[in-house]
Amino acid sequence: MNGNKTSGDNSQGIKRQVQENFGRQALSYNANCLLADEENLNAIIRMAGIMGSERVLDLATGTGFLAAALSKVAKDVVATDITLEMLQQTRPKTGDNTSFALADVEILPFEDDSFDVVTCRVALHHFTKPDEAFREIRRVCRPEGRIVIMDIVSSEDGARSEYHNKMERLRDSSHVKQYSRSELEGMLKTCDLEMDEVNTWKYTWQMEEWLYIANPDEVAANKVRQLMMESIEDDKSGLRVQLRDEEVYFTYTAAIITAHVRT
């Protein structure tokens, strides 16, 4: 199994860290320009095949940019997150056809085959047991339904991937793992989800803006700055870090994967 596994106690500790970090960061994530990118949101809606009659589940909705976009085109939307403060940021963005649930992706409070579409955008790297999350996604999505997963992917090169993840963990203590594209595809297959389409999407960040959103302590932030600079030579992180006018920039690559329940 390619999914990251943690012990029960460690898993709960990471989930508490997620709630603490994202509760504190809700306002800054609400201003996150990557998450607000309309071109990306439209691409996900297109790949989800929303026609107007669907009941959609948006998992780990965060501050609700995707849920808000979905609420404009779907019949009903259910937005879930493990952090109350994130859901509170989501509510003002969405329409009357949206409901909310404080929920853990590994134990979803919904019946089998409840949704026509299930989405999850830029959240998988915080899941302590992604294999269990995928099994829950499979359970609540009806057999003819569609699943759309988007997350930042790390390099297929193991050393570059670990270098990248080291910086992510320093920046945000609730970070679990940024997977490679092949690892994501492997997890889907293992959980009896059949892939339909994979698109990639790139986004370039200014490093200080990226650090500001997560707001790590200064010791951790300085270590990230050091690693970013050291990454420029030989692209050690796989993030194509570069210096422009004395400012550091890097480029995320995201995979947008559509899948359906294998029958």
Protein backbone atom coordinates (compact mmCIF):
# COMPACT_ATOMS: atom_id res chain seq x y z
CA MET A 1 0.00 0.00 0.00
CA ASN A 2 1.46 3.39 -1.00
CA GLY A 3 -0.57 5.44 1.50
CA ASN A 4 1.10 6.93 4.53
CA LYS A 5 0.18 5.12 7.75
CA THR A 6 0.57 6.39 11.29
CA SER A 7 -0.12 4.85 14.66
CA GLY A 8 -3.50 5.55 16.21
CA ASP A 9 -2.08 7.92 18.85
CA ASN A 10 0.10 9.77 16.35
CA SER A 11 -2.79 10.00 13.90
CA GLN A 12 -4.99 11.68 16.49
CA GLY A 13 -2.17 14.01 17.44
CA ILE A 14 -1.72 15.13 13.85
CA LYS A 15 -5.46 15.70 13.50
CA ARG A 16 -5.41 17.89 16.61
CA GLN A 17 -2.48 19.76 15.08
CA VAL A 18 -4.46 20.25 11.87
CA GLN A 19 -7.37 21.71 13.84
CA GLU A 20 -5.07 23.98 15.85
CA ASN A 21 -3.03 25.18 12.87
CA PHE A 22 -5.94 25.73 10.52
CA GLY A 23 -8.08 27.29 13.20
CA ARG A 24 -5.31 29.85 13.64
CA GLN A 25 -4.67 30.19 9.90
CA ALA A 26 -8.28 30.38 8.67
CA LEU A 27 -8.17 34.09 7.83
CA SER A 28 -4.85 33.88 5.99
CA TYR A 29 -6.03 30.83 4.00
CA ASN A 30 -9.14 32.79 3.11
CA ALA A 31 -6.83 35.20 1.28
CA ASN A 32 -4.82 32.40 -0.38
CA CYS A 33 -4.44 33.30 -4.06
CA LEU A 34 -3.67 29.71 -5.10
CA LEU A 35 -6.91 28.44 -3.57
CA ALA A 36 -8.89 31.34 -5.04
CA ASP A 37 -7.61 30.79 -8.59
CA GLU A 38 -10.72 30.78 -10.82
CA GLU A 39 -9.04 29.03 -13.73
CA ASN A 40 -8.19 26.10 -11.47
CA LEU A 41 -11.66 26.01 -9.92
CA ASN A 42 -13.26 26.00 -13.37
CA ALA A 43 -10.99 23.17 -14.49
CA ILE A 44 -12.08 21.03 -11.55
CA ILE A 45 -15.77 21.73 -12.19
CA ARG A 46 -15.31 20.83 -15.86
CA MET A 47 -13.53 17.59 -14.98
CA ALA A 48 -16.24 16.79 -12.43
CA GLY A 49 -18.81 16.92 -15.23
CA ILE A 50 -21.32 18.97 -13.23
CA MET A 51 -24.57 19.35 -15.19
CA GLY A 52 -26.82 20.91 -12.53
CA SER A 53 -28.68 17.98 -11.00
CA GLU A 54 -25.87 16.53 -8.87
CA ARG A 55 -25.46 16.18 -5.12
CA VAL A 56 -21.81 16.98 -4.42
CA LEU A 57 -19.60 16.32 -1.39
CA ASP A 58 -16.59 18.62 -0.99
CA LEU A 59 -14.16 17.07 1.49
CA ALA A 60 -11.69 19.08 3.60
CA THR A 61 -13.20 22.19 2.05
CA GLY A 62 -10.92 24.56 3.98
CA THR A 63 -12.21 28.10 3.52
CA GLY A 64 -14.58 26.89 0.83
CA PHE A 65 -13.42 28.24 -2.52
CA LEU A 66 -14.33 25.03 -4.33
CA ALA A 67 -17.56 24.56 -2.37
CA ALA A 68 -18.59 28.10 -3.36
CA ALA A 69 -17.86 27.42 -7.02
CA LEU A 70 -19.72 24.12 -6.88
CA SER A 71 -22.75 25.72 -5.23
CA LYS A 72 -23.24 27.85 -8.35
CA VAL A 73 -23.55 24.86 -10.69
CA ALA A 74 -24.69 21.82 -8.66
CA LYS A 75 -28.11 21.08 -7.18
CA ASP A 76 -26.84 20.45 -3.64
CA VAL A 77 -23.41 20.73 -2.01
CA VAL A 78 -22.22 19.36 1.33
CA ALA A 79 -18.99 20.94 2.54
CA THR A 80 -17.00 19.17 5.26
CA ASP A 81 -13.89 19.99 7.23
CA ILE A 82 -12.29 18.85 10.48
CA THR A 83 -11.78 22.48 11.57
CA LEU A 84 -14.75 24.61 12.61
CA GLU A 85 -13.03 27.92 11.86
CA MET A 86 -12.55 26.85 8.25
CA LEU A 87 -16.25 26.04 7.85
CA GLN A 88 -17.09 29.44 9.33
CA GLN A 89 -15.08 31.05 6.52
CA THR A 90 -16.87 28.86 3.97
CA ARG A 91 -20.46 29.68 4.89
CA PRO A 92 -20.56 33.31 3.59
CA LYS A 93 -19.22 32.23 0.17
CA THR A 94 -21.85 29.59 -0.58
CA GLY A 95 -25.51 29.59 -1.56
CA ASP A 96 -28.65 28.27 0.11
CA ASN A 97 -28.06 24.89 -1.55
CA THR A 98 -24.99 24.24 0.62
CA SER A 99 -24.92 22.46 3.97
CA PHE A 100 -21.99 21.89 6.30
CA ALA A 101 -20.58 19.06 8.38
CA LEU A 102 -17.70 19.02 10.84
CA ALA A 103 -16.26 15.68 9.80
CA ASP A 104 -13.14 13.52 9.64
CA VAL A 105 -12.45 12.24 6.11
CA GLU A 106 -11.58 8.82 7.53
CA ILE A 107 -15.02 8.40 9.20
CA LEU A 108 -17.60 10.21 7.10
CA PRO A 109 -21.11 10.61 8.60
CA PHE A 110 -22.93 9.74 5.39
CA GLU A 111 -24.70 6.67 4.05
CA ASP A 112 -23.33 4.53 1.26
CA ASP A 113 -23.83 5.83 -2.31
CA SER A 114 -24.97 9.26 -1.06
CA PHE A 115 -23.29 11.52 -3.63
CA ASP A 116 -23.06 11.90 -7.38
CA VAL A 117 -19.70 13.68 -7.16
CA VAL A 118 -17.01 13.78 -4.44
CA THR A 119 -14.26 16.41 -4.57
CA CYS A 120 -11.14 17.04 -2.51
CA ARG A 121 -8.81 19.92 -3.35
CA VAL A 122 -5.31 20.55 -1.94
CA ALA A 123 -5.90 18.65 1.30
CA LEU A 124 -4.68 15.08 0.88
CA HIS A 125 -1.20 15.92 2.19
CA HIS A 126 -2.76 16.51 5.63
CA PHE A 127 -4.51 13.12 5.82
CA THR A 128 -2.94 10.74 8.31
CA LYS A 129 -4.42 7.65 6.62
CA PRO A 130 -5.15 8.50 2.98
CA ASP A 131 -6.01 4.90 2.17
CA GLU A 132 -8.87 5.02 4.70
CA ALA A 133 -9.99 8.37 3.31
CA PHE A 134 -10.11 6.92 -0.22
CA ARG A 135 -12.14 3.95 1.01
CA GLU A 136 -14.63 6.34 2.60
CA ILE A 137 -14.77 8.35 -0.62
CA ARG A 138 -15.46 5.12 -2.51
CA ARG A 139 -18.20 4.16 -0.02
CA VAL A 140 -20.16 7.43 -0.17
CA CYS A 141 -19.89 7.96 -3.94
CA ARG A 142 -22.48 6.13 -5.99
CA PRO A 143 -21.10 3.61 -8.53
CA GLU A 144 -21.86 5.81 -11.56
CA GLY A 145 -20.55 8.91 -9.80
CA ARG A 146 -17.34 10.85 -10.27
CA ILE A 147 -14.48 11.59 -7.90
CA VAL A 148 -12.10 14.52 -8.40
CA ILE A 149 -8.91 14.73 -6.33
CA MET A 150 -6.44 17.58 -6.62
CA ASP A 151 -3.23 17.94 -4.67
CA ILE A 152 0.27 19.29 -5.03
CA VAL A 153 2.59 16.49 -6.10
CA SER A 154 6.24 16.01 -5.22
CA SER A 155 9.00 14.75 -7.47
CA GLU A 156 9.14 11.13 -8.61
CA ASP A 157 12.77 11.27 -7.46
CA GLY A 158 12.85 10.05 -3.84
CA ALA A 159 15.58 12.42 -2.64
CA ARG A 160 13.88 15.47 -4.16
CA SER A 161 10.52 14.40 -2.73
CA GLU A 162 11.96 14.07 0.78
CA TYR A 163 13.72 17.45 0.49
CA HIS A 164 10.41 19.03 -0.57
CA ASN A 165 8.49 17.36 2.27
CA LYS A 166 11.09 18.43 4.82
CA MET A 167 10.41 22.07 3.94
CA GLU A 168 6.65 21.51 4.04
CA ARG A 169 6.84 19.97 7.53
CA LEU A 170 8.96 22.86 8.81
CA ARG A 171 6.48 25.36 7.38
CA ASP A 172 3.39 23.56 8.72
CA SER A 173 3.59 21.03 11.55
CA SER A 174 0.30 19.44 10.42
CA HIS A 175 1.78 18.46 7.06
CA VAL A 176 1.96 14.67 6.61
CA LYS A 177 3.25 14.03 3.09
CA GLN A 178 3.16 15.49 -0.39
CA TYR A 179 2.93 12.42 -2.63
CA SER A 180 4.29 11.90 -6.11
CA ARG A 181 1.79 11.52 -8.93
CA SER A 182 2.52 7.80 -9.22
CA GLU A 183 1.89 7.33 -5.49
CA LEU A 184 -1.49 9.06 -5.77
CA GLU A 185 -2.46 6.93 -8.73
CA GLY A 186 -1.36 3.81 -6.86
CA MET A 187 -3.52 4.68 -3.85
CA LEU A 188 -6.57 5.14 -6.05
CA LYS A 189 -6.07 1.79 -7.74
CA THR A 190 -5.52 -0.01 -4.44
CA CYS A 191 -8.83 1.37 -3.14
CA ASP A 192 -10.74 0.12 -6.22
CA LEU A 193 -11.04 3.52 -7.84
CA GLU A 194 -10.63 3.61 -11.62
CA MET A 195 -8.86 6.67 -13.03
CA ASP A 196 -10.49 8.48 -15.94
CA GLU A 197 -8.38 11.58 -16.53
CA VAL A 198 -5.25 13.23 -15.10
CA ASN A 199 -4.32 16.86 -15.74
CA THR A 200 -1.43 18.83 -14.30
CA TRP A 201 -1.58 22.43 -13.15
CA LYS A 202 1.33 24.67 -12.15
CA TYR A 203 1.41 27.59 -9.76
CA THR A 204 4.39 29.82 -8.92
CA TRP A 205 4.68 31.13 -5.36
CA GLN A 206 6.74 33.92 -3.89
CA MET A 207 8.35 32.18 -0.91
CA GLU A 208 7.62 34.83 1.72
CA GLU A 209 3.92 34.93 0.79
CA TRP A 210 3.80 31.13 1.06
CA LEU A 211 5.47 31.25 4.49
CA TYR A 212 3.17 34.01 5.71
CA ILE A 213 0.03 31.94 5.14
CA ALA A 214 1.20 29.11 7.42
CA ASN A 215 3.03 31.49 9.79
CA PRO A 216 5.70 29.13 11.21
CA ASP A 217 7.93 30.31 14.04
CA GLU A 218 11.02 32.25 13.01
CA VAL A 219 13.43 29.36 13.60
CA ALA A 220 11.46 27.08 11.26
CA ALA A 221 10.93 29.87 8.72
CA ASN A 222 14.64 30.61 8.57
CA LYS A 223 15.44 26.93 8.08
CA VAL A 224 12.97 26.83 5.18
CA ARG A 225 14.59 29.93 3.68
CA GLN A 226 17.99 28.24 3.93
CA LEU A 227 16.75 25.01 2.34
CA MET A 228 15.04 26.93 -0.47
CA MET A 229 18.27 28.76 -1.32
CA GLU A 230 20.28 25.54 -1.19
CA SER A 231 17.70 23.91 -3.44
CA ILE A 232 18.49 26.24 -6.36
CA GLU A 233 21.61 24.27 -7.27
CA ASP A 234 20.66 21.01 -9.01
CA ASP A 235 16.94 21.59 -8.19
CA LYS A 236 17.26 19.59 -4.95
CA SER A 237 13.55 19.96 -4.09
CA GLY A 238 12.10 19.50 -7.56
CA LEU A 239 10.34 22.87 -7.10
CA ARG A 240 12.45 24.84 -9.61
CA VAL A 241 13.42 27.40 -6.98
CA GLN A 242 14.84 30.61 -8.42
CA LEU A 243 15.95 34.05 -7.31
CA ARG A 244 14.26 37.01 -9.03
CA ASP A 245 15.24 40.54 -8.03
CA GLU A 246 16.40 39.24 -4.64
CA GLU A 247 13.11 37.42 -4.00
CA VAL A 248 12.76 33.63 -3.94
CA TYR A 249 10.13 31.93 -6.09
CA PHE A 250 9.24 28.27 -6.59
CA THR A 251 6.69 26.34 -8.64
CA TYR A 252 4.18 23.83 -7.37
CA THR A 253 2.86 21.15 -9.70
CA ALA A 254 -0.59 19.79 -8.92
CA ALA A 255 -2.31 16.70 -10.27
CA ILE A 256 -6.06 16.87 -10.88
CA ILE A 257 -7.33 13.29 -11.07
CA THR A 258 -10.83 12.16 -11.95
CA ALA A 259 -11.91 8.64 -11.09
CA HIS A 260 -14.98 6.48 -10.57
CA VAL A 261 -15.83 3.53 -8.35
CA ARG A 262 -14.66 0.31 -9.97
CA THR A 263 -17.58 -2.11 -10.27
